[in-house]
Amino acid sequence: MAAKISIRHGLRHQWSLYLFVLPALGMLLLFAYAPVSSAIYHSFFEWRGGETRRYVGFDNFSRIFSDATFWSSFGTVGILVVANIIKLIPSVLLAVLIHRLSGDRFRYFYRVLVLVPMIVPMIVTLFVWKFFLDPNIGPLNQLIESTGLKWALIQLDGVFGWGQFSADRGVGWLSQPGLIVPSLILWGFPWISSIGVLVYLAGLENIGADIYEAADLDGAGSLARFWYIELPLILTQIRMTLVLLVIGTLQSFGLQLLLLDENGGPGGRGMVPGLWMYNRAFAANEFGYACAIGLVLFLAILLLTWFNNKFVRVDK
């Protein structure tokens, strides 16, 4: 049984190691925990970003419970969370296809192709997609016009009464309230995540060759190998990316801010909690209220993360 080492003994004999840890710990406290502490403190004040502040207690949090925009934004982000979970499927399938390539050279080549999009700054990708969805010169509308899909959309519009498609104007993907959420879901097509593919590939490469040999002896086909071998053995990686995806989707608002505006586009249909927090801080100068929104969002993310760790389990 290993002997326990006291803190005093560690400081006496390993003090140099503690010195190496201190700079990283200091920067973590300064740039991570200090802003969080400031947000908690200012959430109890009516604060407009300057030196003047007025203590209001829990009034900011009480105001959140009657904030219709804030709660409706959770409906939008809930749709995006479900859509992003479904978007995990292409990355898993691509990782399996690359893993099954017979030549190491080809696998390396496809890894490089998957990795290259990570080099492109995200803001460039967002502006490219904003151009892609442009109602006048956007490639998406040109594709719809050239293939006759617009006529089919107009017919469906007449049947279901959407009121979004017309023959005499381009499709306003980001200017028509009913199309904003579908446009946000469409963003990133074909939904291949470079990080996700590399993480799944790392898990697939840990599967022993003897397992595949046993599957071949049993006559398992490609689909059976995926369903009974590859998918169960990378569920740990999928669970990890699922946690990060949910947290990232709930926190993010840059996509909506750049594609729409701080108001979430027409009718506020693209409003998400993070964007509403940004709106209250930098459009309305209600920094104290924005801090309170951030704390409620933090608690929601913490609750969902706990729920995922509690109930989404992977059998070893």
Protein backbone atom coordinates (compact mmCIF):
# COMPACT_ATOMS: atom_id res chain seq x y z
CA MET A 1 0.00 0.00 0.00
CA ALA A 2 1.46 3.36 -1.02
CA ALA A 3 2.40 5.68 1.84
CA LYS A 4 0.62 9.01 2.08
CA ILE A 5 2.82 12.06 1.57
CA SER A 6 1.95 15.08 3.72
CA ILE A 7 1.80 18.59 2.29
CA ARG A 8 4.70 19.65 4.52
CA HIS A 9 6.83 16.77 3.24
CA GLY A 10 5.94 17.64 -0.35
CA LEU A 11 6.85 21.29 0.08
CA ARG A 12 10.13 20.39 1.74
CA HIS A 13 11.35 17.83 -0.80
CA GLN A 14 9.54 18.86 -4.01
CA TRP A 15 9.38 22.63 -3.68
CA SER A 16 10.82 23.16 -7.17
CA LEU A 17 7.88 21.33 -8.76
CA TYR A 18 5.42 23.56 -6.90
CA LEU A 19 7.24 26.62 -8.26
CA PHE A 20 6.69 25.40 -11.81
CA VAL A 21 2.96 24.99 -11.09
CA LEU A 22 2.53 28.47 -9.60
CA PRO A 23 2.73 30.49 -12.88
CA ALA A 24 0.06 28.36 -14.55
CA LEU A 25 -2.10 28.48 -11.43
CA GLY A 26 -1.68 32.25 -11.18
CA MET A 27 -2.73 32.80 -14.80
CA LEU A 28 -5.69 30.47 -14.33
CA LEU A 29 -6.84 32.45 -11.30
CA LEU A 30 -6.28 35.79 -13.06
CA PHE A 31 -7.84 35.07 -16.44
CA ALA A 32 -10.46 32.43 -15.58
CA TYR A 33 -11.60 32.63 -11.97
CA ALA A 34 -11.26 36.40 -11.49
CA PRO A 35 -13.76 37.25 -14.30
CA VAL A 36 -16.16 34.64 -12.96
CA SER A 37 -15.90 36.10 -9.47
CA SER A 38 -16.50 39.58 -10.88
CA ALA A 39 -19.60 38.35 -12.73
CA ILE A 40 -21.00 36.79 -9.55
CA TYR A 41 -20.35 39.99 -7.63
CA HIS A 42 -21.88 42.35 -10.21
CA SER A 43 -24.94 40.16 -10.75
CA PHE A 44 -26.29 41.62 -7.49
CA PHE A 45 -25.92 45.21 -8.71
CA GLU A 46 -27.55 47.54 -11.18
CA TRP A 47 -24.38 48.19 -13.13
CA ARG A 48 -23.81 49.89 -16.47
CA GLY A 49 -20.16 49.03 -16.86
CA GLY A 50 -18.62 52.05 -15.13
CA GLU A 51 -17.56 52.76 -11.59
CA THR A 52 -21.10 53.54 -10.44
CA ARG A 53 -23.19 50.62 -9.24
CA ARG A 54 -26.27 50.20 -7.06
CA TYR A 55 -26.92 47.12 -4.96
CA VAL A 56 -30.24 45.51 -5.88
CA GLY A 57 -29.89 42.09 -4.25
CA PHE A 58 -31.74 39.36 -6.12
CA ASP A 59 -33.76 41.76 -8.31
CA ASN A 60 -31.79 40.82 -11.42
CA PHE A 61 -32.55 37.14 -10.88
CA SER A 62 -36.23 37.89 -10.18
CA ARG A 63 -36.34 39.81 -13.44
CA ILE A 64 -35.03 36.77 -15.32
CA PHE A 65 -38.07 34.70 -14.31
CA SER A 66 -40.36 37.20 -16.09
CA ASP A 67 -38.06 37.71 -19.10
CA ALA A 68 -39.97 36.14 -21.98
CA THR A 69 -37.13 36.66 -24.46
CA PHE A 70 -34.67 34.81 -22.25
CA TRP A 71 -36.90 31.76 -21.84
CA SER A 72 -37.93 31.67 -25.50
CA SER A 73 -34.24 31.70 -26.41
CA PHE A 74 -33.89 28.36 -24.61
CA GLY A 75 -36.42 26.93 -27.05
CA THR A 76 -34.25 27.99 -29.98
CA VAL A 77 -31.04 26.70 -28.43
CA GLY A 78 -32.81 23.44 -27.55
CA ILE A 79 -33.59 22.89 -31.25
CA LEU A 80 -29.96 23.63 -32.10
CA VAL A 81 -28.70 21.18 -29.45
CA VAL A 82 -30.85 18.37 -30.90
CA ALA A 83 -29.73 19.26 -34.43
CA ASN A 84 -26.07 19.31 -33.41
CA ILE A 85 -26.41 15.90 -31.76
CA ILE A 86 -27.75 14.53 -35.05
CA LYS A 87 -24.81 16.22 -36.80
CA LEU A 88 -22.46 13.89 -34.91
CA ILE A 89 -23.47 11.04 -37.23
CA PRO A 90 -21.51 12.16 -40.36
CA SER A 91 -18.31 12.54 -38.34
CA VAL A 92 -18.68 9.05 -36.85
CA LEU A 93 -19.36 7.49 -40.26
CA LEU A 94 -16.43 9.28 -41.89
CA ALA A 95 -14.08 8.18 -39.10
CA VAL A 96 -15.19 4.56 -39.60
CA LEU A 97 -14.69 4.81 -43.38
CA ILE A 98 -11.18 6.24 -42.98
CA HIS A 99 -10.35 3.58 -40.39
CA ARG A 100 -11.36 0.83 -42.80
CA LEU A 101 -9.06 2.01 -45.60
CA SER A 102 -6.49 -0.68 -46.29
CA GLY A 103 -3.46 1.50 -46.99
CA ASP A 104 -1.71 3.61 -44.34
CA ARG A 105 -0.86 6.21 -47.00
CA PHE A 106 -4.52 6.69 -47.90
CA ARG A 107 -5.53 6.94 -44.25
CA TYR A 108 -2.87 9.61 -43.69
CA PHE A 109 -4.04 11.50 -46.79
CA TYR A 110 -7.66 11.61 -45.62
CA ARG A 111 -6.60 12.64 -42.11
CA VAL A 112 -4.80 15.62 -43.64
CA LEU A 113 -7.91 16.52 -45.68
CA VAL A 114 -10.02 16.42 -42.52
CA LEU A 115 -7.48 18.50 -40.61
CA VAL A 116 -7.08 21.29 -43.20
CA PRO A 117 -10.42 23.07 -42.40
CA MET A 118 -9.20 23.60 -38.83
CA ILE A 119 -6.55 25.99 -40.21
CA VAL A 120 -9.17 28.34 -41.63
CA PRO A 121 -10.26 30.94 -39.01
CA MET A 122 -13.83 30.42 -37.87
CA ILE A 123 -14.83 34.01 -38.68
CA VAL A 124 -13.83 33.45 -42.31
CA THR A 125 -16.03 30.36 -42.43
CA LEU A 126 -18.95 32.33 -40.97
CA PHE A 127 -18.66 35.10 -43.56
CA VAL A 128 -18.43 32.52 -46.36
CA TRP A 129 -21.68 30.99 -45.13
CA LYS A 130 -23.29 34.42 -44.87
CA PHE A 131 -22.48 34.92 -48.54
CA PHE A 132 -23.68 31.39 -49.30
CA LEU A 133 -27.09 32.26 -47.81
CA ASP A 134 -27.37 35.65 -49.51
CA PRO A 135 -30.88 36.05 -51.05
CA ASN A 136 -29.63 37.70 -54.26
CA ILE A 137 -26.25 36.29 -55.23
CA GLY A 138 -25.90 33.42 -52.78
CA PRO A 139 -24.93 30.03 -54.27
CA LEU A 140 -27.71 28.29 -52.35
CA ASN A 141 -30.42 30.33 -54.08
CA GLN A 142 -28.70 29.88 -57.43
CA LEU A 143 -28.66 26.13 -56.86
CA ILE A 144 -32.35 26.14 -55.97
CA GLU A 145 -33.19 28.18 -59.08
CA SER A 146 -31.13 26.05 -61.47
CA THR A 147 -32.39 22.68 -60.22
CA GLY A 148 -36.07 23.57 -60.00
CA LEU A 149 -36.19 23.07 -56.24
CA LYS A 150 -37.62 26.53 -55.78
CA TRP A 151 -40.75 25.57 -57.72
CA ALA A 152 -41.17 22.55 -55.42
CA LEU A 153 -40.69 24.75 -52.34
CA ILE A 154 -43.29 27.20 -53.63
CA GLN A 155 -45.78 24.36 -54.11
CA LEU A 156 -45.15 23.07 -50.60
CA ASP A 157 -45.48 26.62 -49.31
CA GLY A 158 -48.92 26.84 -50.89
CA VAL A 159 -50.00 23.53 -49.34
CA PHE A 160 -48.73 24.16 -45.81
CA GLY A 161 -49.10 27.95 -45.75
CA TRP A 162 -45.56 28.72 -44.64
CA GLY A 163 -45.47 32.09 -46.39
CA GLN A 164 -41.71 31.91 -46.88
CA PHE A 165 -41.23 31.23 -50.60
CA SER A 166 -42.24 33.35 -53.57
CA ALA A 167 -41.56 33.13 -57.30
CA ASP A 168 -40.73 36.85 -57.71
CA ARG A 169 -37.99 37.12 -55.07
CA GLY A 170 -35.02 35.21 -53.73
CA VAL A 171 -35.30 33.11 -50.63
CA GLY A 172 -34.33 35.27 -47.65
CA TRP A 173 -32.72 32.59 -45.52
CA LEU A 174 -31.55 35.10 -42.91
CA SER A 175 -34.26 37.74 -43.34
CA GLN A 176 -37.45 35.68 -43.02
CA PRO A 177 -38.34 34.61 -39.47
CA GLY A 178 -39.51 31.14 -40.45
CA LEU A 179 -36.24 30.30 -42.21
CA ILE A 180 -33.76 31.54 -39.61
CA VAL A 181 -33.64 28.37 -37.48
CA PRO A 182 -33.42 26.06 -40.54
CA SER A 183 -30.56 28.25 -41.82
CA LEU A 184 -28.73 27.91 -38.51
CA ILE A 185 -29.18 24.14 -38.70
CA LEU A 186 -27.97 24.07 -42.32
CA TRP A 187 -24.80 25.94 -41.35
CA GLY A 188 -21.68 23.78 -41.53
CA PHE A 189 -23.05 21.25 -44.05
CA PRO A 190 -21.98 18.44 -44.51
CA TRP A 191 -21.43 18.70 -40.75
CA ILE A 192 -17.99 17.07 -40.62
CA SER A 193 -16.18 18.00 -37.43
CA SER A 194 -12.40 17.77 -37.79
CA ILE A 195 -11.88 17.34 -34.06
CA GLY A 196 -14.66 14.77 -33.85
CA VAL A 197 -13.28 12.67 -36.71
CA LEU A 198 -9.78 12.65 -35.21
CA VAL A 199 -11.11 11.72 -31.76
CA TYR A 200 -13.19 8.84 -33.17
CA LEU A 201 -10.25 7.66 -35.28
CA ALA A 202 -8.09 7.52 -32.16
CA GLY A 203 -10.70 5.33 -30.49
CA LEU A 204 -11.08 3.08 -33.54
CA GLU A 205 -7.33 2.52 -33.81
CA ASN A 206 -7.31 1.14 -30.26
CA ILE A 207 -9.54 -1.76 -31.32
CA GLY A 208 -7.40 -4.88 -31.46
CA ALA A 209 -6.94 -6.84 -34.68
CA ASP A 210 -8.00 -10.04 -32.90
CA ILE A 211 -11.50 -8.60 -32.45
CA TYR A 212 -11.84 -8.07 -36.20
CA GLU A 213 -10.43 -11.54 -36.87
CA ALA A 214 -13.03 -13.06 -34.55
CA ALA A 215 -15.75 -11.09 -36.34
CA ASP A 216 -14.54 -12.37 -39.72
CA LEU A 217 -14.63 -15.96 -38.42
CA ASP A 218 -18.22 -15.40 -37.32
CA GLY A 219 -19.10 -14.06 -40.77
CA ALA A 220 -19.92 -10.54 -39.62
CA GLY A 221 -20.49 -8.09 -42.45
CA SER A 222 -19.59 -4.42 -42.63
CA LEU A 223 -22.81 -3.27 -40.96
CA ALA A 224 -22.55 -5.87 -38.18
CA ARG A 225 -18.92 -4.89 -37.50
CA PHE A 226 -19.95 -1.27 -37.18
CA TRP A 227 -23.00 -1.91 -34.99
CA TYR A 228 -21.57 -4.56 -32.65
CA ILE A 229 -17.84 -3.71 -32.56
CA GLU A 230 -16.84 -0.23 -33.71
CA LEU A 231 -19.76 1.81 -32.39
CA PRO A 232 -19.82 0.27 -28.88
CA LEU A 233 -16.04 0.63 -28.52
CA ILE A 234 -16.01 4.35 -29.38
CA LEU A 235 -19.02 5.27 -27.24
CA THR A 236 -16.64 6.75 -24.67
CA GLN A 237 -15.34 9.20 -27.26
CA ILE A 238 -18.86 9.93 -28.50
CA ARG A 239 -19.99 10.63 -24.94
CA MET A 240 -17.10 13.04 -24.43
CA THR A 241 -17.84 14.95 -27.65
CA LEU A 242 -21.53 14.96 -26.72
CA VAL A 243 -20.77 16.73 -23.43
CA LEU A 244 -18.53 19.29 -25.16
CA LEU A 245 -21.12 19.80 -27.92
CA VAL A 246 -23.96 20.53 -25.49
CA ILE A 247 -21.81 22.94 -23.49
CA GLY A 248 -20.53 24.68 -26.63
CA THR A 249 -24.01 25.04 -28.16
CA LEU A 250 -25.49 26.52 -24.98
CA GLN A 251 -22.61 28.95 -24.56
CA SER A 252 -22.07 30.06 -28.15
CA PHE A 253 -23.69 33.06 -29.81
CA GLY A 254 -21.04 34.17 -32.32
CA LEU A 255 -22.80 32.37 -35.17
CA GLN A 256 -26.07 34.21 -34.53
CA LEU A 257 -24.30 37.54 -33.95
CA LEU A 258 -22.40 37.46 -37.26
CA LEU A 259 -25.09 35.90 -39.43
CA LEU A 260 -27.96 37.92 -37.93
CA ASP A 261 -27.40 40.73 -35.39
CA GLU A 262 -27.50 41.31 -31.65
CA ASN A 263 -31.31 41.09 -31.77
CA GLY A 264 -31.34 37.58 -33.26
CA GLY A 265 -32.62 38.63 -36.68
CA PRO A 266 -36.23 39.40 -37.69
CA GLY A 267 -38.63 38.66 -34.88
CA GLY A 268 -35.74 37.55 -32.67
CA ARG A 269 -36.11 34.03 -34.04
CA GLY A 270 -32.36 33.40 -33.83
CA MET A 271 -32.05 34.58 -30.24
CA VAL A 272 -30.14 32.22 -27.92
CA PRO A 273 -29.30 32.75 -24.22
CA GLY A 274 -25.69 33.75 -24.89
CA LEU A 275 -26.76 36.32 -27.49
CA TRP A 276 -29.41 37.74 -25.13
CA MET A 277 -26.72 38.14 -22.47
CA TYR A 278 -24.55 39.97 -25.04
CA ASN A 279 -27.52 42.10 -26.09
CA ARG A 280 -28.31 43.20 -22.54
CA ALA A 281 -24.66 44.03 -21.84
CA PHE A 282 -23.54 45.83 -25.02
CA ALA A 283 -26.81 47.02 -26.57
CA ALA A 284 -28.75 47.99 -23.43
CA ASN A 285 -25.76 48.65 -21.11
CA GLU A 286 -27.32 46.43 -18.46
CA PHE A 287 -24.10 44.70 -17.43
CA GLY A 288 -25.40 43.68 -14.01
CA TYR A 289 -28.42 41.98 -15.52
CA ALA A 290 -26.20 40.35 -18.15
CA CYS A 291 -24.03 38.91 -15.36
CA ALA A 292 -27.15 37.44 -13.75
CA ILE A 293 -28.14 35.87 -17.09
CA GLY A 294 -24.65 34.41 -17.36
CA LEU A 295 -24.96 32.80 -13.92
CA VAL A 296 -28.33 31.26 -14.74
CA LEU A 297 -26.88 29.96 -18.02
CA PHE A 298 -23.93 28.52 -16.09
CA LEU A 299 -26.28 26.68 -13.73
CA ALA A 300 -28.26 25.31 -16.68
CA ILE A 301 -25.07 24.02 -18.34
CA LEU A 302 -23.89 22.54 -15.03
CA LEU A 303 -27.22 20.76 -14.58
CA LEU A 304 -27.18 19.31 -18.11
CA THR A 305 -23.56 18.19 -17.70
CA TRP A 306 -24.42 16.46 -14.42
CA PHE A 307 -27.45 14.84 -16.06
CA ASN A 308 -25.28 13.57 -18.92
CA ASN A 309 -22.63 12.17 -16.57
CA LYS A 310 -25.29 10.60 -14.38
CA PHE A 311 -27.52 8.93 -16.94
CA VAL A 312 -25.55 8.69 -20.19
CA ARG A 313 -23.21 5.86 -19.23
CA VAL A 314 -20.97 3.61 -21.26
CA ASP A 315 -20.53 0.01 -20.16
CA LYS A 316 -16.89 -0.97 -20.04
